[in-house]
């Protein structure tokens, strides 16, 4: 499992929560729906919450998420 694998999960989490969610709520969703994959992710298991934020930054650069301030909720573009 790699960081890029988290990007579609983030999109799915935001779609499931009405296209907007705080980063912590995205992480809760990912844990609830992908715990097994995360546990089997090797080193990613220990860094996945950081990697989710990295993936969100990449999604913003690819115009999949709207730009926001760190304290704001994430929004699908």
PDB file of N, CA and C in Angstrom:
ATOM      1  N   UNK A   1       0.839  -1.170   0.000  1.00  0.00           N
ATOM      2  CA  UNK A   1       0.000   0.000   0.000  1.00  0.00           C
ATOM      3  C   UNK A   1       0.887   1.237   0.000  1.00  0.00           C
ATOM      4  N   UNK A   2       0.440   2.249  -0.745  1.00  0.00           N
ATOM      5  CA  UNK A   2       1.212   3.476  -0.868  1.00  0.00           C
ATOM      6  C   UNK A   2       0.323   4.692  -0.590  1.00  0.00           C
ATOM      7  N   UNK A   3       0.963   5.831  -0.425  1.00  0.00           N
ATOM      8  CA  UNK A   3       0.233   7.074  -0.160  1.00  0.00           C
ATOM      9  C   UNK A   3      -0.836   7.347  -1.210  1.00  0.00           C
ATOM     10  N   UNK A   4      -0.485   7.140  -2.479  1.00  0.00           N
ATOM     11  CA  UNK A   4      -1.445   7.423  -3.547  1.00  0.00           C
ATOM     12  C   UNK A   4      -2.718   6.590  -3.420  1.00  0.00           C
ATOM     13  N   UNK A   5      -2.622   5.434  -2.779  1.00  0.00           N
ATOM     14  CA  UNK A   5      -3.802   4.594  -2.578  1.00  0.00           C
ATOM     15  C   UNK A   5      -4.836   5.270  -1.687  1.00  0.00           C
ATOM     16  N   UNK A   6      -4.410   6.237  -0.904  1.00  0.00           N
ATOM     17  CA  UNK A   6      -5.324   6.934   0.002  1.00  0.00           C
ATOM     18  C   UNK A   6      -6.215   7.948  -0.717  1.00  0.00           C
ATOM     19  N   UNK A   7      -5.786   8.426  -1.864  1.00  0.00           N
ATOM     20  CA  UNK A   7      -6.535   9.489  -2.546  1.00  0.00           C
ATOM     21  C   UNK A   7      -7.965   9.087  -2.914  1.00  0.00           C
ATOM     22  N   UNK A   8      -8.192   7.934  -3.537  1.00  0.00           N
ATOM     23  CA  UNK A   8      -9.587   7.578  -3.821  1.00  0.00           C
ATOM     24  C   UNK A   8     -10.409   7.339  -2.551  1.00  0.00           C
ATOM     25  N   UNK A   9      -9.752   6.883  -1.498  1.00  0.00           N
ATOM     26  CA  UNK A   9     -10.459   6.693  -0.228  1.00  0.00           C
ATOM     27  C   UNK A   9     -10.927   8.035   0.325  1.00  0.00           C
ATOM     28  N   UNK A  10     -10.095   9.065   0.195  1.00  0.00           N
ATOM     29  CA  UNK A  10     -10.484  10.395   0.663  1.00  0.00           C
ATOM     30  C   UNK A  10     -11.686  10.891  -0.130  1.00  0.00           C
ATOM     31  N   UNK A  11     -11.649  10.710  -1.442  1.00  0.00           N
ATOM     32  CA  UNK A  11     -12.781  11.114  -2.291  1.00  0.00           C
ATOM     33  C   UNK A  11     -14.039  10.369  -1.858  1.00  0.00           C
ATOM     34  N   UNK A  12     -13.929   9.067  -1.636  1.00  0.00           N
ATOM     35  CA  UNK A  12     -15.081   8.271  -1.183  1.00  0.00           C
ATOM     36  C   UNK A  12     -15.603   8.767   0.160  1.00  0.00           C
ATOM     37  N   UNK A  13     -14.697   9.074   1.077  1.00  0.00           N
ATOM     38  CA  UNK A  13     -15.103   9.559   2.399  1.00  0.00           C
ATOM     39  C   UNK A  13     -15.857  10.868   2.279  1.00  0.00           C
ATOM     40  N   UNK A  14     -15.369  11.763   1.445  1.00  0.00           N
ATOM     41  CA  UNK A  14     -16.045  13.049   1.282  1.00  0.00           C
ATOM     42  C   UNK A  14     -17.393  12.892   0.592  1.00  0.00           C
ATOM     43  N   UNK A  15     -17.476  12.013  -0.380  1.00  0.00           N
ATOM     44  CA  UNK A  15     -18.776  11.749  -1.021  1.00  0.00           C
ATOM     45  C   UNK A  15     -19.766  11.189  -0.008  1.00  0.00           C
ATOM     46  N   UNK A  16     -19.298  10.319   0.862  1.00  0.00           N
ATOM     47  CA  UNK A  16     -20.175   9.690   1.860  1.00  0.00           C
ATOM     48  C   UNK A  16     -20.642  10.684   2.922  1.00  0.00           C
ATOM     49  N   UNK A  17     -19.880  11.758   3.107  1.00  0.00           N
ATOM     50  CA  UNK A  17     -20.228  12.733   4.144  1.00  0.00           C
ATOM     51  C   UNK A  17     -20.812  14.015   3.564  1.00  0.00           C
ATOM     52  N   UNK A  18     -21.259  13.963   2.307  1.00  0.00           N
ATOM     53  CA  UNK A  18     -21.901  15.127   1.720  1.00  0.00           C
ATOM     54  C   UNK A  18     -20.937  16.100   1.074  1.00  0.00           C
ATOM     55  N   UNK A  19     -19.768  15.649   0.665  1.00  0.00           N
ATOM     56  CA  UNK A  19     -18.756  16.428  -0.062  1.00  0.00           C
ATOM     57  C   UNK A  19     -17.946  17.377   0.812  1.00  0.00           C
ATOM     58  N   UNK A  20     -18.202  17.384   2.114  1.00  0.00           N
ATOM     59  CA  UNK A  20     -17.467  18.254   3.031  1.00  0.00           C
ATOM     60  C   UNK A  20     -17.244  17.522   4.345  1.00  0.00           C
ATOM     61  N   UNK A  21     -16.026  17.586   4.866  1.00  0.00           N
ATOM     62  CA  UNK A  21     -15.741  16.978   6.170  1.00  0.00           C
ATOM     63  C   UNK A  21     -14.433  17.543   6.712  1.00  0.00           C
ATOM     64  N   UNK A  22     -14.304  17.531   8.018  1.00  0.00           N
ATOM     65  CA  UNK A  22     -13.040  17.896   8.650  1.00  0.00           C
ATOM     66  C   UNK A  22     -12.057  16.749   8.456  1.00  0.00           C
ATOM     67  N   UNK A  23     -10.773  17.064   8.507  1.00  0.00           N
ATOM     68  CA  UNK A  23      -9.765  16.022   8.303  1.00  0.00           C
ATOM     69  C   UNK A  23      -9.919  14.878   9.302  1.00  0.00           C
ATOM     70  N   UNK A  24     -10.245  15.193  10.537  1.00  0.00           N
ATOM     71  CA  UNK A  24     -10.402  14.145  11.543  1.00  0.00           C
ATOM     72  C   UNK A  24     -11.582  13.231  11.201  1.00  0.00           C
ATOM     73  N   UNK A  25     -12.639  13.795  10.615  1.00  0.00           N
ATOM     74  CA  UNK A  25     -13.786  12.975  10.224  1.00  0.00           C
ATOM     75  C   UNK A  25     -13.460  12.087   9.025  1.00  0.00           C
ATOM     76  N   UNK A  26     -12.629  12.595   8.124  1.00  0.00           N
ATOM     77  CA  UNK A  26     -12.157  11.759   7.015  1.00  0.00           C
ATOM     78  C   UNK A  26     -11.346  10.590   7.575  1.00  0.00           C
ATOM     79  N   UNK A  27     -10.465  10.863   8.526  1.00  0.00           N
ATOM     80  CA  UNK A  27      -9.663   9.792   9.130  1.00  0.00           C
ATOM     81  C   UNK A  27     -10.535   8.779   9.859  1.00  0.00           C
ATOM     82  N   UNK A  28     -11.548   9.242  10.562  1.00  0.00           N
ATOM     83  CA  UNK A  28     -12.469   8.319  11.237  1.00  0.00           C
ATOM     84  C   UNK A  28     -13.173   7.424  10.218  1.00  0.00           C
ATOM     85  N   UNK A  29     -13.610   8.022   9.113  1.00  0.00           N
ATOM     86  CA  UNK A  29     -14.270   7.259   8.056  1.00  0.00           C
ATOM     87  C   UNK A  29     -13.314   6.208   7.487  1.00  0.00           C
ATOM     88  N   UNK A  30     -12.083   6.639   7.207  1.00  0.00           N
ATOM     89  CA  UNK A  30     -11.116   5.702   6.637  1.00  0.00           C
ATOM     90  C   UNK A  30     -10.832   4.549   7.592  1.00  0.00           C
ATOM     91  N   UNK A  31     -10.709   4.837   8.864  1.00  0.00           N
ATOM     92  CA  UNK A  31     -10.467   3.776   9.836  1.00  0.00           C
ATOM     93  C   UNK A  31     -11.657   2.826   9.896  1.00  0.00           C
ATOM     94  N   UNK A  32     -12.863   3.373   9.875  1.00  0.00           N
ATOM     95  CA  UNK A  32     -14.067   2.539   9.952  1.00  0.00           C
ATOM     96  C   UNK A  32     -14.226   1.653   8.714  1.00  0.00           C
ATOM     97  N   UNK A  33     -13.791   2.130   7.565  1.00  0.00           N
ATOM     98  CA  UNK A  33     -14.021   1.403   6.316  1.00  0.00           C
ATOM     99  C   UNK A  33     -12.788   0.701   5.750  1.00  0.00           C
ATOM    100  N   UNK A  34     -11.604   1.033   6.240  1.00  0.00           N
ATOM    101  CA  UNK A  34     -10.379   0.477   5.667  1.00  0.00           C
ATOM    102  C   UNK A  34      -9.361   0.044   6.731  1.00  0.00           C
ATOM    103  N   UNK A  35      -9.850  -0.235   7.923  1.00  0.00           N
ATOM    104  CA  UNK A  35      -8.930  -0.596   9.010  1.00  0.00           C
ATOM    105  C   UNK A  35      -8.026  -1.766   8.624  1.00  0.00           C
ATOM    106  N   UNK A  36      -8.591  -2.796   8.057  1.00  0.00           N
ATOM    107  CA  UNK A  36      -7.804  -3.983   7.721  1.00  0.00           C
ATOM    108  C   UNK A  36      -6.695  -3.653   6.716  1.00  0.00           C
ATOM    109  N   UNK A  37      -7.045  -2.883   5.669  1.00  0.00           N
ATOM    110  CA  UNK A  37      -6.034  -2.508   4.683  1.00  0.00           C
ATOM    111  C   UNK A  37      -4.941  -1.646   5.318  1.00  0.00           C
ATOM    112  N   UNK A  38      -5.350  -0.735   6.203  1.00  0.00           N
ATOM    113  CA  UNK A  38      -4.373   0.114   6.885  1.00  0.00           C
ATOM    114  C   UNK A  38      -3.454  -0.720   7.774  1.00  0.00           C
ATOM    115  N   UNK A  39      -4.025  -1.670   8.504  1.00  0.00           N
ATOM    116  CA  UNK A  39      -3.210  -2.532   9.373  1.00  0.00           C
ATOM    117  C   UNK A  39      -2.212  -3.361   8.567  1.00  0.00           C
ATOM    118  N   UNK A  40      -2.598  -3.741   7.369  1.00  0.00           N
ATOM    119  CA  UNK A  40      -1.730  -4.555   6.514  1.00  0.00           C
ATOM    120  C   UNK A  40      -0.822  -3.697   5.634  1.00  0.00           C
ATOM    121  N   UNK A  41      -0.840  -2.398   5.829  1.00  0.00           N
ATOM    122  CA  UNK A  41      -0.125  -1.472   4.957  1.00  0.00           C
ATOM    123  C   UNK A  41       1.352  -1.309   5.239  1.00  0.00           C
ATOM    124  N   UNK A  42       1.940  -2.167   6.049  1.00  0.00           N
ATOM    125  CA  UNK A  42       3.362  -2.036   6.349  1.00  0.00           C
ATOM    126  C   UNK A  42       3.642  -0.754   7.117  1.00  0.00           C
ATOM    127  N   UNK A  43       4.666  -0.029   6.679  1.00  0.00           N
ATOM    128  CA  UNK A  43       5.029   1.212   7.357  1.00  0.00           C
ATOM    129  C   UNK A  43       3.916   2.243   7.320  1.00  0.00           C
ATOM    130  N   UNK A  44       3.067   2.184   6.296  1.00  0.00           N
ATOM    131  CA  UNK A  44       1.965   3.142   6.187  1.00  0.00           C
ATOM    132  C   UNK A  44       1.057   3.077   7.416  1.00  0.00           C
ATOM    133  N   UNK A  45       0.975   1.923   8.059  1.00  0.00           N
ATOM    134  CA  UNK A  45       0.141   1.816   9.259  1.00  0.00           C
ATOM    135  C   UNK A  45       0.567   2.830  10.320  1.00  0.00           C
ATOM    136  N   UNK A  46       1.846   3.115  10.386  1.00  0.00           N
ATOM    137  CA  UNK A  46       2.367   4.014  11.413  1.00  0.00           C
ATOM    138  C   UNK A  46       2.330   5.477  10.994  1.00  0.00           C
ATOM    139  N   UNK A  47       2.094   5.730   9.719  1.00  0.00           N
ATOM    140  CA  UNK A  47       2.129   7.112   9.217  1.00  0.00           C
ATOM    141  C   UNK A  47       0.847   7.522   8.499  1.00  0.00           C
ATOM    142  N   UNK A  48      -0.175   6.672   8.475  1.00  0.00           N
ATOM    143  CA  UNK A  48      -1.297   6.901   7.578  1.00  0.00           C
ATOM    144  C   UNK A  48      -2.026   8.217   7.830  1.00  0.00           C
ATOM    145  N   UNK A  49      -2.127   8.693   9.060  1.00  0.00           N
ATOM    146  CA  UNK A  49      -2.840   9.960   9.275  1.00  0.00           C
ATOM    147  C   UNK A  49      -2.057  11.131   8.686  1.00  0.00           C
ATOM    148  N   UNK A  50      -0.754  11.096   8.775  1.00  0.00           N
ATOM    149  CA  UNK A  50       0.061  12.105   8.090  1.00  0.00           C
ATOM    150  C   UNK A  50      -0.109  11.954   6.579  1.00  0.00           C
ATOM    151  N   UNK A  51      -0.074  10.727   6.106  1.00  0.00           N
ATOM    152  CA  UNK A  51      -0.162  10.457   4.676  1.00  0.00           C
ATOM    153  C   UNK A  51      -1.515  10.859   4.094  1.00  0.00           C
ATOM    154  N   UNK A  52      -2.568  10.796   4.888  1.00  0.00           N
ATOM    155  CA  UNK A  52      -3.880  11.270   4.440  1.00  0.00           C
ATOM    156  C   UNK A  52      -3.812  12.766   4.149  1.00  0.00           C
ATOM    157  N   UNK A  53      -3.151  13.507   4.998  1.00  0.00           N
ATOM    158  CA  UNK A  53      -3.015  14.955   4.777  1.00  0.00           C
ATOM    159  C   UNK A  53      -2.141  15.237   3.554  1.00  0.00           C
ATOM    160  N   UNK A  54      -1.085  14.435   3.354  1.00  0.00           N
ATOM    161  CA  UNK A  54      -0.250  14.552   2.169  1.00  0.00           C
ATOM    162  C   UNK A  54      -1.096  14.291   0.922  1.00  0.00           C
ATOM    163  N   UNK A  55      -1.912  13.218   0.959  1.00  0.00           N
ATOM    164  CA  UNK A  55      -2.754  12.871  -0.183  1.00  0.00           C
ATOM    165  C   UNK A  55      -3.773  13.980  -0.460  1.00  0.00           C
ATOM    166  N   UNK A  56      -4.303  14.599   0.580  1.00  0.00           N
ATOM    167  CA  UNK A  56      -5.239  15.701   0.391  1.00  0.00           C
ATOM    168  C   UNK A  56      -4.555  16.881  -0.295  1.00  0.00           C
ATOM    169  N   UNK A  57      -3.313  17.148   0.057  1.00  0.00           N
ATOM    170  CA  UNK A  57      -2.565  18.215  -0.605  1.00  0.00           C
ATOM    171  C   UNK A  57      -2.396  17.900  -2.089  1.00  0.00           C
ATOM    172  N   UNK A  58      -2.079  16.660  -2.393  1.00  0.00           N
ATOM    173  CA  UNK A  58      -1.941  16.254  -3.794  1.00  0.00           C
ATOM    174  C   UNK A  58      -3.275  16.370  -4.531  1.00  0.00           C
ATOM    175  N   UNK A  59      -4.375  16.015  -3.866  1.00  0.00           N
ATOM    176  CA  UNK A  59      -5.702  16.157  -4.471  1.00  0.00           C
ATOM    177  C   UNK A  59      -6.024  17.628  -4.742  1.00  0.00           C
ATOM    178  N   UNK A  60      -5.602  18.519  -3.853  1.00  0.00           N
ATOM    179  CA  UNK A  60      -5.800  19.954  -4.089  1.00  0.00           C
ATOM    180  C   UNK A  60      -5.016  20.409  -5.313  1.00  0.00           C
ATOM    181  N   UNK A  61      -3.778  19.954  -5.433  1.00  0.00           N
ATOM    182  CA  UNK A  61      -2.947  20.321  -6.587  1.00  0.00           C
ATOM    183  C   UNK A  61      -3.535  19.796  -7.890  1.00  0.00           C
ATOM    184  N   UNK A  62      -4.252  18.672  -7.806  1.00  0.00           N
ATOM    185  CA  UNK A  62      -4.909  18.081  -8.978  1.00  0.00           C
ATOM    186  C   UNK A  62      -6.345  18.589  -9.146  1.00  0.00           C
ATOM    187  N   UNK A  63      -6.721  19.584  -8.340  1.00  0.00           N
ATOM    188  CA  UNK A  63      -8.037  20.232  -8.414  1.00  0.00           C
ATOM    189  C   UNK A  63      -9.203  19.284  -8.131  1.00  0.00           C
ATOM    190  N   UNK A  64      -8.946  18.275  -7.294  1.00  0.00           N
ATOM    191  CA  UNK A  64     -10.009  17.356  -6.853  1.00  0.00           C
ATOM    192  C   UNK A  64     -10.636  17.843  -5.551  1.00  0.00           C
ATOM    193  N   UNK A  65      -9.835  18.560  -4.741  1.00  0.00           N
ATOM    194  CA  UNK A  65     -10.325  19.192  -3.517  1.00  0.00           C
ATOM    195  C   UNK A  65     -10.143  20.690  -3.661  1.00  0.00           C
ATOM    196  N   UNK A  66     -11.054  21.440  -3.034  1.00  0.00           N
ATOM    197  CA  UNK A  66     -10.901  22.893  -3.019  1.00  0.00           C
ATOM    198  C   UNK A  66      -9.790  23.268  -2.058  1.00  0.00           C
ATOM    199  N   UNK A  67      -9.099  24.343  -2.380  1.00  0.00           N
ATOM    200  CA  UNK A  67      -8.079  24.865  -1.478  1.00  0.00           C
ATOM    201  C   UNK A  67      -8.744  25.347  -0.206  1.00  0.00           C
ATOM    202  N   UNK A  68      -8.086  25.173   0.909  1.00  0.00           N
ATOM    203  CA  UNK A  68      -8.630  25.609   2.184  1.00  0.00           C
ATOM    204  C   UNK A  68      -7.509  25.901   3.162  1.00  0.00           C
ATOM    205  N   UNK A  69      -7.869  26.556   4.234  1.00  0.00           N
ATOM    206  CA  UNK A  69      -6.923  26.785   5.319  1.00  0.00           C
ATOM    207  C   UNK A  69      -6.865  25.512   6.165  1.00  0.00           C
ATOM    208  N   UNK A  70      -5.764  25.270   6.859  1.00  0.00           N
ATOM    209  CA  UNK A  70      -5.625  24.033   7.629  1.00  0.00           C
ATOM    210  C   UNK A  70      -6.761  23.796   8.639  1.00  0.00           C
ATOM    211  N   UNK A  71      -7.344  24.850   9.166  1.00  0.00           N
ATOM    212  CA  UNK A  71      -8.385  24.677  10.182  1.00  0.00           C
ATOM    213  C   UNK A  71      -9.766  24.473   9.576  1.00  0.00           C
ATOM    214  N   UNK A  72      -9.895  24.566   8.280  1.00  0.00           N
ATOM    215  CA  UNK A  72     -11.194  24.445   7.621  1.00  0.00           C
ATOM    216  C   UNK A  72     -11.476  23.010   7.186  1.00  0.00           C
ATOM    217  N   UNK A  73     -12.742  22.759   6.916  1.00  0.00           N
ATOM    218  CA  UNK A  73     -13.149  21.447   6.426  1.00  0.00           C
ATOM    219  C   UNK A  73     -12.647  21.246   5.009  1.00  0.00           C
ATOM    220  N   UNK A  74     -12.535  19.991   4.607  1.00  0.00           N
ATOM    221  CA  UNK A  74     -12.159  19.642   3.250  1.00  0.00           C
ATOM    222  C   UNK A  74     -13.423  19.597   2.398  1.00  0.00           C
ATOM    223  N   UNK A  75     -13.322  20.047   1.156  1.00  0.00           N
ATOM    224  CA  UNK A  75     -14.466  20.093   0.234  1.00  0.00           C
ATOM    225  C   UNK A  75     -14.055  19.492  -1.103  1.00  0.00           C
ATOM    226  N   UNK A  76     -14.934  18.684  -1.676  1.00  0.00           N
ATOM    227  CA  UNK A  76     -14.683  18.224  -3.036  1.00  0.00           C
ATOM    228  C   UNK A  76     -14.750  19.414  -3.968  1.00  0.00           C
ATOM    229  N   UNK A  77     -13.937  19.414  -4.984  1.00  0.00           N
ATOM    230  CA  UNK A  77     -13.940  20.503  -5.972  1.00  0.00           C
ATOM    231  C   UNK A  77     -15.077  20.302  -6.951  1.00  0.00           C
TER     232      UNK A  77
END
